[in-house]
Structure formats: structure tokens, C-alpha cells
């Protein structure tokens, strides 16, 4: 059994992860973390399911990570970095699905992974990671004769934009075209913008209601267009992908370090 701790255990994603771990046949819940001051502190991590897991939610990182082989973290950038510091101290591997990191924070995660093996991905969904491969293949095959737009939609509570997944799609498209997203990305359009700049990669953001997550990459050519889309109806697919990542980390040789992505987990690099 793989011992797994969950960060943000009382949140929407945290609860989905707790439920997925408890429903799995090869994982056990060893710890549940939440921020200090949370009303959930001290309660059982599975109380929302009407059952007793025997794991209380705590803000004490050392207590929550005690006995864990892997931490799964979908929280906020500052919290994730604090959790990773504790993981490094205790030798706990980590699956990071948090988004909204600055370049400096992403570099800090890469540095952390040189001490403890870590899976870091903008989206843990298996389907989204297959989509990343598909859009890169399409961009290479279609060449520069097609304008690219990335459209993402999420619930009204999401605090970062564009989504981490949309940016990951943009990076995959830019790499496939051999360009720099920092130069070619267009994130806002308002007023008299002039004609679309050739080679640019546009982004559009929708926020509203309870949309779990939708991503569309549009290749608009002359007389035709190609659309590659992924729609999430539930956060369960993120939880399933996270457990696959945890199993991947648990299967690495003892002492192995490094930063991995979902393409490593799903063997998509070939």
C-alpha cells in the first residue's frame, strides 16, 4: 500500500483526492493537511463522506507528513512551496498540481526536485496530457499557415488566468513551432488592435458558474479550421491522474531524484 498525504484536504480538490485514495485498492491515506485557522482542523478527513478514516486534518506539516511516501498538493503557490520544504526535510516525494506559479517559484520546484523526486504538472488529467501531445503534433504538421487560439473556461472561483493548463498548451504549441511563448503569446485584446500578427498564439479566458475546466485549441486556416478540445465534467479525472503520478513516484528506485511531468508518468515522450 502506498501511503499518501493530501494537502488542502478540506477543499474541493482535496476532498476528491481523499475519496480517491480511500476508494483505491493500493493506496492508504496517511495524512491530511489544511491551513491554520481552517474550521476543518481536528475533524476526520473522511467526515464529508460520512465515514471515519482515522486521519485527522492538521496544520502541523510534520504530523501530517509522518509516515507518508507521497504528498499530493493542489493548493496555492506559497503553501505548496512550504509543503515541499517539509517534504525535503522528511524525504517525502510529491505530486504538485497547484497552478499560478511565477517563473522564480517554478525554478524553486525544480531545485527542490534535485533532492526529492517530484511530479509537477499544470494538469493531472490523463486526457489533458494526451491533448498536449496532440496539439504539439498538429502544430508541427500544420506549420505556420494556421492561426492558433487557446480558449479556456473555468468556474468563477478560479483566481489565476490564463489557467496553468492553457499556458502549458501554449508552451507545447510554441515549442512545436520553434518560437518563444513569452514573445508570441497574446493575452488581451481590447479596442483597436489592428490585424492579427502572424505567428502569434492567442489566449482567451472565460470565468463563470461551476465550470470544472474546458480547454480548446483552435487552428484556423484558410477555408478550414481544426479544433482539439478537452472538457472536464468532474474533478475525479484530476484525482485519478494524481494517483497514477503517486504510483509512478512510489515505483522509482530508492534515492532517485528529479523533476518529472505527466508525460513521464504516462510514457508519452516517445
C-alpha atoms as a PDB file:
ATOM      1  CA  UNK A   1       0.000   0.000   0.000  1.00  0.00           C
ATOM      2  CA  UNK A   2       1.293   3.454  -0.927  1.00  0.00           C
ATOM      3  CA  UNK A   3       0.996   5.900   1.985  1.00  0.00           C
ATOM      4  CA  UNK A   4      -0.351   9.232   0.715  1.00  0.00           C
ATOM      5  CA  UNK A   5      -0.858  12.593   2.432  1.00  0.00           C
ATOM      6  CA  UNK A   6      -3.238  15.177   0.978  1.00  0.00           C
ATOM      7  CA  UNK A   7      -2.696  18.946   1.217  1.00  0.00           C
ATOM      8  CA  UNK A   8      -5.748  21.198   1.283  1.00  0.00           C
ATOM      9  CA  UNK A   9      -7.782  18.220   2.451  1.00  0.00           C
ATOM     10  CA  UNK A  10     -10.987  20.155   3.187  1.00  0.00           C
ATOM     11  CA  UNK A  11     -11.119  21.923  -0.189  1.00  0.00           C
ATOM     12  CA  UNK A  12     -12.982  20.813  -3.305  1.00  0.00           C
ATOM     13  CA  UNK A  13      -9.986  19.106  -4.870  1.00  0.00           C
ATOM     14  CA  UNK A  14      -8.660  17.881  -1.548  1.00  0.00           C
ATOM     15  CA  UNK A  15     -11.883  16.047  -0.781  1.00  0.00           C
ATOM     16  CA  UNK A  16     -11.881  14.466  -4.232  1.00  0.00           C
ATOM     17  CA  UNK A  17      -8.343  13.239  -3.592  1.00  0.00           C
ATOM     18  CA  UNK A  18      -9.229  11.862  -0.154  1.00  0.00           C
ATOM     19  CA  UNK A  19     -12.152   9.974  -1.657  1.00  0.00           C
ATOM     20  CA  UNK A  20      -9.990   8.599  -4.493  1.00  0.00           C
ATOM     21  CA  UNK A  21      -7.290   7.373  -2.096  1.00  0.00           C
ATOM     22  CA  UNK A  22      -9.847   5.674   0.155  1.00  0.00           C
ATOM     23  CA  UNK A  23     -11.505   4.024  -2.861  1.00  0.00           C
ATOM     24  CA  UNK A  24      -8.244   2.720  -4.319  1.00  0.00           C
ATOM     25  CA  UNK A  25      -7.052  -0.780  -3.700  1.00  0.00           C
ATOM     26  CA  UNK A  26      -3.357   0.048  -3.455  1.00  0.00           C
ATOM     27  CA  UNK A  27      -3.174   3.349  -1.557  1.00  0.00           C
ATOM     28  CA  UNK A  28      -3.878   4.396   2.004  1.00  0.00           C
ATOM     29  CA  UNK A  29      -4.489   7.832   3.490  1.00  0.00           C
ATOM     30  CA  UNK A  30      -1.666   8.585   5.917  1.00  0.00           C
ATOM     31  CA  UNK A  31      -2.171  12.316   6.474  1.00  0.00           C
ATOM     32  CA  UNK A  32      -4.417  15.293   5.724  1.00  0.00           C
ATOM     33  CA  UNK A  33      -3.230  18.911   5.812  1.00  0.00           C
ATOM     34  CA  UNK A  34      -5.022  22.251   5.862  1.00  0.00           C
ATOM     35  CA  UNK A  35      -4.151  25.839   6.691  1.00  0.00           C
ATOM     36  CA  UNK A  36      -4.111  27.120  10.252  1.00  0.00           C
ATOM     37  CA  UNK A  37      -7.484  28.540  11.247  1.00  0.00           C
ATOM     38  CA  UNK A  38      -9.453  26.196   8.987  1.00  0.00           C
ATOM     39  CA  UNK A  39     -12.741  25.071  10.523  1.00  0.00           C
ATOM     40  CA  UNK A  40     -11.877  21.534   9.413  1.00  0.00           C
ATOM     41  CA  UNK A  41      -8.830  21.197  11.671  1.00  0.00           C
ATOM     42  CA  UNK A  42      -9.188  18.276  14.052  1.00  0.00           C
ATOM     43  CA  UNK A  43     -12.035  16.672  12.127  1.00  0.00           C
ATOM     44  CA  UNK A  44     -11.705  13.347  10.333  1.00  0.00           C
ATOM     45  CA  UNK A  45     -10.532  13.725   6.734  1.00  0.00           C
ATOM     46  CA  UNK A  46     -13.388  11.495   5.541  1.00  0.00           C
ATOM     47  CA  UNK A  47     -16.165  13.099   7.615  1.00  0.00           C
ATOM     48  CA  UNK A  48     -17.682  14.593   4.463  1.00  0.00           C
ATOM     49  CA  UNK A  49     -18.241  11.022   3.245  1.00  0.00           C
ATOM     50  CA  UNK A  50     -19.985  10.052   6.461  1.00  0.00           C
ATOM     51  CA  UNK A  51     -17.190   7.689   7.456  1.00  0.00           C
ATOM     52  CA  UNK A  52     -14.180   7.527   9.734  1.00  0.00           C
ATOM     53  CA  UNK A  53     -10.739   7.257   8.120  1.00  0.00           C
ATOM     54  CA  UNK A  54      -8.852   7.611  11.367  1.00  0.00           C
ATOM     55  CA  UNK A  55      -6.870  10.502   9.864  1.00  0.00           C
ATOM     56  CA  UNK A  56      -7.499  13.935  11.432  1.00  0.00           C
ATOM     57  CA  UNK A  57      -6.940  17.105   9.413  1.00  0.00           C
ATOM     58  CA  UNK A  58      -3.982  19.058  10.793  1.00  0.00           C
ATOM     59  CA  UNK A  59      -1.968  22.200  10.047  1.00  0.00           C
ATOM     60  CA  UNK A  60       1.174  20.615  11.548  1.00  0.00           C
ATOM     61  CA  UNK A  61       3.263  19.700   8.490  1.00  0.00           C
ATOM     62  CA  UNK A  62       5.441  17.213  10.295  1.00  0.00           C
ATOM     63  CA  UNK A  63       2.451  15.436  11.823  1.00  0.00           C
ATOM     64  CA  UNK A  64       0.549  15.396   8.530  1.00  0.00           C
ATOM     65  CA  UNK A  65       3.525  14.064   6.571  1.00  0.00           C
ATOM     66  CA  UNK A  66       4.638  11.499   9.162  1.00  0.00           C
ATOM     67  CA  UNK A  67       4.685   8.080   7.531  1.00  0.00           C
ATOM     68  CA  UNK A  68       3.799   9.409   4.050  1.00  0.00           C
ATOM     69  CA  UNK A  69       5.622   8.201   0.961  1.00  0.00           C
ATOM     70  CA  UNK A  70       3.973  10.792  -1.321  1.00  0.00           C
ATOM     71  CA  UNK A  71       2.253  14.153  -0.779  1.00  0.00           C
ATOM     72  CA  UNK A  72      -0.381  15.249  -3.306  1.00  0.00           C
ATOM     73  CA  UNK A  73      -0.743  19.041  -3.333  1.00  0.00           C
ATOM     74  CA  UNK A  74      -3.385  21.145  -5.116  1.00  0.00           C
ATOM     75  CA  UNK A  75      -3.275  24.308  -3.005  1.00  0.00           C
ATOM     76  CA  UNK A  76      -1.726  27.761  -3.565  1.00  0.00           C
ATOM     77  CA  UNK A  77       1.855  28.512  -4.685  1.00  0.00           C
ATOM     78  CA  UNK A  78       3.091  29.829  -1.336  1.00  0.00           C
ATOM     79  CA  UNK A  79       1.557  26.919   0.555  1.00  0.00           C
ATOM     80  CA  UNK A  80       2.924  24.363  -1.898  1.00  0.00           C
ATOM     81  CA  UNK A  81       6.469  25.710  -1.546  1.00  0.00           C
ATOM     82  CA  UNK A  82       6.200  25.484   2.252  1.00  0.00           C
ATOM     83  CA  UNK A  83       4.922  21.921   1.942  1.00  0.00           C
ATOM     84  CA  UNK A  84       7.803  21.000  -0.371  1.00  0.00           C
ATOM     85  CA  UNK A  85      10.319  22.315   2.135  1.00  0.00           C
ATOM     86  CA  UNK A  86       8.866  19.947   4.742  1.00  0.00           C
ATOM     87  CA  UNK A  87       8.849  17.106   2.200  1.00  0.00           C
ATOM     88  CA  UNK A  88      12.532  17.688   1.507  1.00  0.00           C
ATOM     89  CA  UNK A  89      13.304  17.575   5.216  1.00  0.00           C
ATOM     90  CA  UNK A  90      11.352  14.332   5.690  1.00  0.00           C
ATOM     91  CA  UNK A  91      12.203  12.640   2.379  1.00  0.00           C
ATOM     92  CA  UNK A  92       8.594  12.601   1.124  1.00  0.00           C
ATOM     93  CA  UNK A  93       8.058  12.566  -2.634  1.00  0.00           C
ATOM     94  CA  UNK A  94       5.489  14.992  -4.030  1.00  0.00           C
ATOM     95  CA  UNK A  95       2.847  15.302  -6.731  1.00  0.00           C
ATOM     96  CA  UNK A  96       2.201  19.013  -7.413  1.00  0.00           C
ATOM     97  CA  UNK A  97      -0.947  20.051  -9.273  1.00  0.00           C
ATOM     98  CA  UNK A  98      -1.006  23.629  -7.987  1.00  0.00           C
ATOM     99  CA  UNK A  99      -1.076  26.359 -10.664  1.00  0.00           C
ATOM    100  CA  UNK A 100      -0.259  30.073 -10.744  1.00  0.00           C
ATOM    101  CA  UNK A 101       3.481  29.827 -10.011  1.00  0.00           C
ATOM    102  CA  UNK A 102       5.843  32.619 -11.014  1.00  0.00           C
ATOM    103  CA  UNK A 103       8.961  31.688 -13.005  1.00  0.00           C
ATOM    104  CA  UNK A 104      11.023  32.022  -9.810  1.00  0.00           C
ATOM    105  CA  UNK A 105       8.667  29.697  -7.947  1.00  0.00           C
ATOM    106  CA  UNK A 106       8.804  27.153 -10.762  1.00  0.00           C
ATOM    107  CA  UNK A 107      12.593  27.287 -10.540  1.00  0.00           C
ATOM    108  CA  UNK A 108      12.321  26.646  -6.791  1.00  0.00           C
ATOM    109  CA  UNK A 109      10.272  23.499  -7.503  1.00  0.00           C
ATOM    110  CA  UNK A 110      12.895  22.298  -9.976  1.00  0.00           C
ATOM    111  CA  UNK A 111      15.597  22.896  -7.360  1.00  0.00           C
ATOM    112  CA  UNK A 112      13.571  21.007  -4.755  1.00  0.00           C
ATOM    113  CA  UNK A 113      13.265  18.033  -7.118  1.00  0.00           C
ATOM    114  CA  UNK A 114      17.031  17.643  -7.122  1.00  0.00           C
ATOM    115  CA  UNK A 115      16.647  16.478  -3.517  1.00  0.00           C
ATOM    116  CA  UNK A 116      13.335  14.593  -3.653  1.00  0.00           C
ATOM    117  CA  UNK A 117      11.621  13.124  -6.727  1.00  0.00           C
ATOM    118  CA  UNK A 118       8.639  15.268  -7.721  1.00  0.00           C
ATOM    119  CA  UNK A 119       5.911  15.138 -10.380  1.00  0.00           C
ATOM    120  CA  UNK A 120       4.860  18.670 -11.379  1.00  0.00           C
ATOM    121  CA  UNK A 121       2.188  19.276 -14.000  1.00  0.00           C
ATOM    122  CA  UNK A 122      -0.215  22.075 -14.862  1.00  0.00           C
ATOM    123  CA  UNK A 123      -2.957  19.482 -15.187  1.00  0.00           C
ATOM    124  CA  UNK A 124      -3.058  15.944 -13.805  1.00  0.00           C
ATOM    125  CA  UNK A 125      -5.830  14.772 -16.134  1.00  0.00           C
ATOM    126  CA  UNK A 126      -4.739  11.892 -18.350  1.00  0.00           C
ATOM    127  CA  UNK A 127      -6.891  13.285 -21.172  1.00  0.00           C
ATOM    128  CA  UNK A 128      -5.374  16.764 -20.964  1.00  0.00           C
ATOM    129  CA  UNK A 129      -1.858  15.364 -21.112  1.00  0.00           C
ATOM    130  CA  UNK A 130      -2.743  13.354 -24.213  1.00  0.00           C
ATOM    131  CA  UNK A 131      -4.159  16.616 -25.610  1.00  0.00           C
ATOM    132  CA  UNK A 132      -0.799  18.317 -25.003  1.00  0.00           C
ATOM    133  CA  UNK A 133       0.818  15.710 -27.222  1.00  0.00           C
ATOM    134  CA  UNK A 134      -1.882  16.010 -29.899  1.00  0.00           C
ATOM    135  CA  UNK A 135      -1.719  19.816 -30.204  1.00  0.00           C
ATOM    136  CA  UNK A 136       2.069  19.734 -30.487  1.00  0.00           C
ATOM    137  CA  UNK A 137       1.850  17.129 -33.264  1.00  0.00           C
ATOM    138  CA  UNK A 138      -0.808  19.219 -35.039  1.00  0.00           C
ATOM    139  CA  UNK A 139       1.243  22.428 -34.767  1.00  0.00           C
ATOM    140  CA  UNK A 140       4.286  20.740 -36.314  1.00  0.00           C
ATOM    141  CA  UNK A 141       2.251  19.170 -39.123  1.00  0.00           C
ATOM    142  CA  UNK A 142       0.214  22.270 -39.977  1.00  0.00           C
ATOM    143  CA  UNK A 143       3.108  24.730 -39.956  1.00  0.00           C
ATOM    144  CA  UNK A 144       2.684  28.500 -39.908  1.00  0.00           C
ATOM    145  CA  UNK A 145      -0.289  28.714 -42.253  1.00  0.00           C
ATOM    146  CA  UNK A 146      -2.748  28.309 -39.379  1.00  0.00           C
ATOM    147  CA  UNK A 147      -3.551  30.861 -36.671  1.00  0.00           C
ATOM    148  CA  UNK A 148      -3.633  29.361 -33.167  1.00  0.00           C
ATOM    149  CA  UNK A 149      -6.000  30.352 -30.373  1.00  0.00           C
ATOM    150  CA  UNK A 150      -6.251  28.773 -26.907  1.00  0.00           C
ATOM    151  CA  UNK A 151      -9.615  29.203 -25.172  1.00  0.00           C
ATOM    152  CA  UNK A 152     -10.076  28.120 -21.546  1.00  0.00           C
ATOM    153  CA  UNK A 153     -13.148  28.161 -19.288  1.00  0.00           C
ATOM    154  CA  UNK A 154     -13.305  27.637 -15.513  1.00  0.00           C
ATOM    155  CA  UNK A 155     -15.549  28.259 -12.507  1.00  0.00           C
ATOM    156  CA  UNK A 156     -15.932  31.731 -11.065  1.00  0.00           C
ATOM    157  CA  UNK A 157     -13.758  30.964  -8.040  1.00  0.00           C
ATOM    158  CA  UNK A 158     -10.557  30.343 -10.007  1.00  0.00           C
ATOM    159  CA  UNK A 159      -8.021  33.045  -9.145  1.00  0.00           C
ATOM    160  CA  UNK A 160      -5.380  32.768 -11.899  1.00  0.00           C
ATOM    161  CA  UNK A 161      -5.712  33.410 -15.621  1.00  0.00           C
ATOM    162  CA  UNK A 162      -4.957  32.049 -18.108  1.00  0.00           C
ATOM    163  CA  UNK A 163      -5.144  28.658 -16.439  1.00  0.00           C
ATOM    164  CA  UNK A 164      -1.986  26.683 -15.893  1.00  0.00           C
ATOM    165  CA  UNK A 165      -3.259  24.172 -18.422  1.00  0.00           C
ATOM    166  CA  UNK A 166      -3.832  26.870 -21.051  1.00  0.00           C
ATOM    167  CA  UNK A 167      -0.284  28.104 -20.530  1.00  0.00           C
ATOM    168  CA  UNK A 168       1.034  24.539 -20.777  1.00  0.00           C
ATOM    169  CA  UNK A 169      -0.826  24.167 -24.073  1.00  0.00           C
ATOM    170  CA  UNK A 170       0.678  27.455 -25.250  1.00  0.00           C
ATOM    171  CA  UNK A 171       4.163  26.300 -24.300  1.00  0.00           C
ATOM    172  CA  UNK A 172       3.678  22.993 -26.122  1.00  0.00           C
ATOM    173  CA  UNK A 173       2.476  24.850 -29.217  1.00  0.00           C
ATOM    174  CA  UNK A 174       5.356  27.320 -29.069  1.00  0.00           C
ATOM    175  CA  UNK A 175       7.947  24.543 -28.721  1.00  0.00           C
ATOM    176  CA  UNK A 176       6.415  22.700 -31.661  1.00  0.00           C
ATOM    177  CA  UNK A 177       6.715  25.856 -33.765  1.00  0.00           C
ATOM    178  CA  UNK A 178      10.203  26.649 -32.511  1.00  0.00           C
ATOM    179  CA  UNK A 179       9.227  30.018 -31.031  1.00  0.00           C
ATOM    180  CA  UNK A 180       9.173  31.631 -27.578  1.00  0.00           C
ATOM    181  CA  UNK A 181       5.736  31.912 -25.945  1.00  0.00           C
ATOM    182  CA  UNK A 182       6.918  34.964 -23.995  1.00  0.00           C
ATOM    183  CA  UNK A 183       7.315  36.731 -27.344  1.00  0.00           C
ATOM    184  CA  UNK A 184       4.447  35.217 -29.350  1.00  0.00           C
ATOM    185  CA  UNK A 185       1.719  34.943 -26.692  1.00  0.00           C
ATOM    186  CA  UNK A 186      -1.169  37.431 -26.901  1.00  0.00           C
ATOM    187  CA  UNK A 187      -3.258  37.538 -23.707  1.00  0.00           C
ATOM    188  CA  UNK A 188      -5.500  40.590 -24.087  1.00  0.00           C
ATOM    189  CA  UNK A 189      -7.377  42.238 -26.926  1.00  0.00           C
ATOM    190  CA  UNK A 190      -9.308  45.439 -26.466  1.00  0.00           C
ATOM    191  CA  UNK A 191     -10.163  48.398 -28.634  1.00  0.00           C
ATOM    192  CA  UNK A 192      -8.456  48.940 -31.977  1.00  0.00           C
ATOM    193  CA  UNK A 193      -5.955  46.069 -32.003  1.00  0.00           C
ATOM    194  CA  UNK A 194      -5.084  46.047 -35.685  1.00  0.00           C
ATOM    195  CA  UNK A 195      -4.770  42.846 -37.674  1.00  0.00           C
ATOM    196  CA  UNK A 196      -3.713  39.616 -36.048  1.00  0.00           C
ATOM    197  CA  UNK A 197       0.066  39.268 -36.000  1.00  0.00           C
ATOM    198  CA  UNK A 198       1.259  36.239 -37.978  1.00  0.00           C
ATOM    199  CA  UNK A 199       2.710  33.517 -35.814  1.00  0.00           C
ATOM    200  CA  UNK A 200       1.141  34.748 -32.584  1.00  0.00           C
ATOM    201  CA  UNK A 201      -0.611  32.397 -30.159  1.00  0.00           C
ATOM    202  CA  UNK A 202      -3.755  33.939 -28.720  1.00  0.00           C
ATOM    203  CA  UNK A 203      -5.412  33.232 -25.365  1.00  0.00           C
ATOM    204  CA  UNK A 204      -8.992  33.817 -24.256  1.00  0.00           C
ATOM    205  CA  UNK A 205     -10.347  33.274 -20.740  1.00  0.00           C
ATOM    206  CA  UNK A 206     -13.902  32.535 -19.565  1.00  0.00           C
ATOM    207  CA  UNK A 207     -14.877  32.529 -15.876  1.00  0.00           C
ATOM    208  CA  UNK A 208     -18.338  31.632 -14.627  1.00  0.00           C
ATOM    209  CA  UNK A 209     -20.585  29.319 -12.675  1.00  0.00           C
ATOM    210  CA  UNK A 210     -19.277  25.907 -11.724  1.00  0.00           C
ATOM    211  CA  UNK A 211     -17.360  25.032 -14.920  1.00  0.00           C
ATOM    212  CA  UNK A 212     -14.811  22.420 -13.842  1.00  0.00           C
ATOM    213  CA  UNK A 213     -12.444  23.045 -16.734  1.00  0.00           C
ATOM    214  CA  UNK A 214     -12.603  23.262 -20.527  1.00  0.00           C
ATOM    215  CA  UNK A 215      -9.749  23.847 -22.966  1.00  0.00           C
ATOM    216  CA  UNK A 216      -9.922  24.340 -26.716  1.00  0.00           C
ATOM    217  CA  UNK A 217      -7.060  24.811 -29.163  1.00  0.00           C
ATOM    218  CA  UNK A 218      -8.199  26.247 -32.479  1.00  0.00           C
ATOM    219  CA  UNK A 219      -6.072  26.058 -35.631  1.00  0.00           C
ATOM    220  CA  UNK A 220      -7.686  28.479 -38.079  1.00  0.00           C
ATOM    221  CA  UNK A 221      -6.533  28.175 -41.669  1.00  0.00           C
ATOM    222  CA  UNK A 222      -7.853  29.425 -44.998  1.00  0.00           C
ATOM    223  CA  UNK A 223     -11.095  27.619 -45.732  1.00  0.00           C
ATOM    224  CA  UNK A 224     -10.865  25.241 -42.785  1.00  0.00           C
ATOM    225  CA  UNK A 225     -10.208  25.009 -39.084  1.00  0.00           C
ATOM    226  CA  UNK A 226      -9.208  22.230 -36.721  1.00  0.00           C
ATOM    227  CA  UNK A 227     -10.321  22.136 -33.087  1.00  0.00           C
ATOM    228  CA  UNK A 228      -8.827  19.953 -30.359  1.00  0.00           C
ATOM    229  CA  UNK A 229     -10.773  20.157 -27.113  1.00  0.00           C
ATOM    230  CA  UNK A 230     -10.944  18.652 -23.658  1.00  0.00           C
ATOM    231  CA  UNK A 231     -13.841  19.087 -21.208  1.00  0.00           C
ATOM    232  CA  UNK A 232     -13.846  18.004 -17.587  1.00  0.00           C
ATOM    233  CA  UNK A 233     -17.223  17.104 -16.093  1.00  0.00           C
ATOM    234  CA  UNK A 234     -15.706  16.237 -12.708  1.00  0.00           C
ATOM    235  CA  UNK A 235     -12.508  16.725 -10.733  1.00  0.00           C
ATOM    236  CA  UNK A 236     -12.349  12.938 -10.477  1.00  0.00           C
ATOM    237  CA  UNK A 237     -10.110  12.794 -13.558  1.00  0.00           C
ATOM    238  CA  UNK A 238      -7.560  15.050 -11.830  1.00  0.00           C
ATOM    239  CA  UNK A 239      -7.633  12.758  -8.796  1.00  0.00           C
ATOM    240  CA  UNK A 240      -7.207   9.638 -10.936  1.00  0.00           C
ATOM    241  CA  UNK A 241      -4.218  11.175 -12.722  1.00  0.00           C
ATOM    242  CA  UNK A 242      -2.714  12.241  -9.405  1.00  0.00           C
ATOM    243  CA  UNK A 243      -2.863   8.685  -8.093  1.00  0.00           C
ATOM    244  CA  UNK A 244      -1.163   7.482 -11.268  1.00  0.00           C
ATOM    245  CA  UNK A 245       1.577  10.039 -10.592  1.00  0.00           C
ATOM    246  CA  UNK A 246       1.869   8.872  -6.978  1.00  0.00           C
ATOM    247  CA  UNK A 247       2.213   5.263  -8.141  1.00  0.00           C
ATOM    248  CA  UNK A 248       4.903   6.357 -10.599  1.00  0.00           C
ATOM    249  CA  UNK A 249       6.889   8.046  -7.820  1.00  0.00           C
ATOM    250  CA  UNK A 250       6.449   5.103  -5.464  1.00  0.00           C
ATOM    251  CA  UNK A 251       7.830   2.819  -8.174  1.00  0.00           C
ATOM    252  CA  UNK A 252      11.069   4.771  -8.607  1.00  0.00           C
ATOM    253  CA  UNK A 253      14.218   3.260  -7.102  1.00  0.00           C
ATOM    254  CA  UNK A 254      15.016   4.394  -3.546  1.00  0.00           C
ATOM    255  CA  UNK A 255      17.009   7.606  -3.545  1.00  0.00           C
ATOM    256  CA  UNK A 256      16.105   8.540  -7.132  1.00  0.00           C
ATOM    257  CA  UNK A 257      15.622  12.266  -7.596  1.00  0.00           C
ATOM    258  CA  UNK A 258      14.419  14.533 -10.351  1.00  0.00           C
ATOM    259  CA  UNK A 259      11.552  16.597 -11.713  1.00  0.00           C
ATOM    260  CA  UNK A 260       9.019  14.619 -13.728  1.00  0.00           C
ATOM    261  CA  UNK A 261       5.932  15.536 -15.700  1.00  0.00           C
ATOM    262  CA  UNK A 262       2.780  13.655 -16.587  1.00  0.00           C
ATOM    263  CA  UNK A 263       4.409  12.795 -19.907  1.00  0.00           C
ATOM    264  CA  UNK A 264       6.848  10.710 -17.854  1.00  0.00           C
ATOM    265  CA  UNK A 265       4.035   9.152 -15.844  1.00  0.00           C
ATOM    266  CA  UNK A 266       2.066   8.259 -18.990  1.00  0.00           C
ATOM    267  CA  UNK A 267       5.137   7.394 -21.114  1.00  0.00           C
ATOM    268  CA  UNK A 268       4.225   9.981 -23.752  1.00  0.00           C
ATOM    269  CA  UNK A 269       7.732  11.225 -24.512  1.00  0.00           C
ATOM    270  CA  UNK A 270       8.375   8.532 -27.069  1.00  0.00           C
END
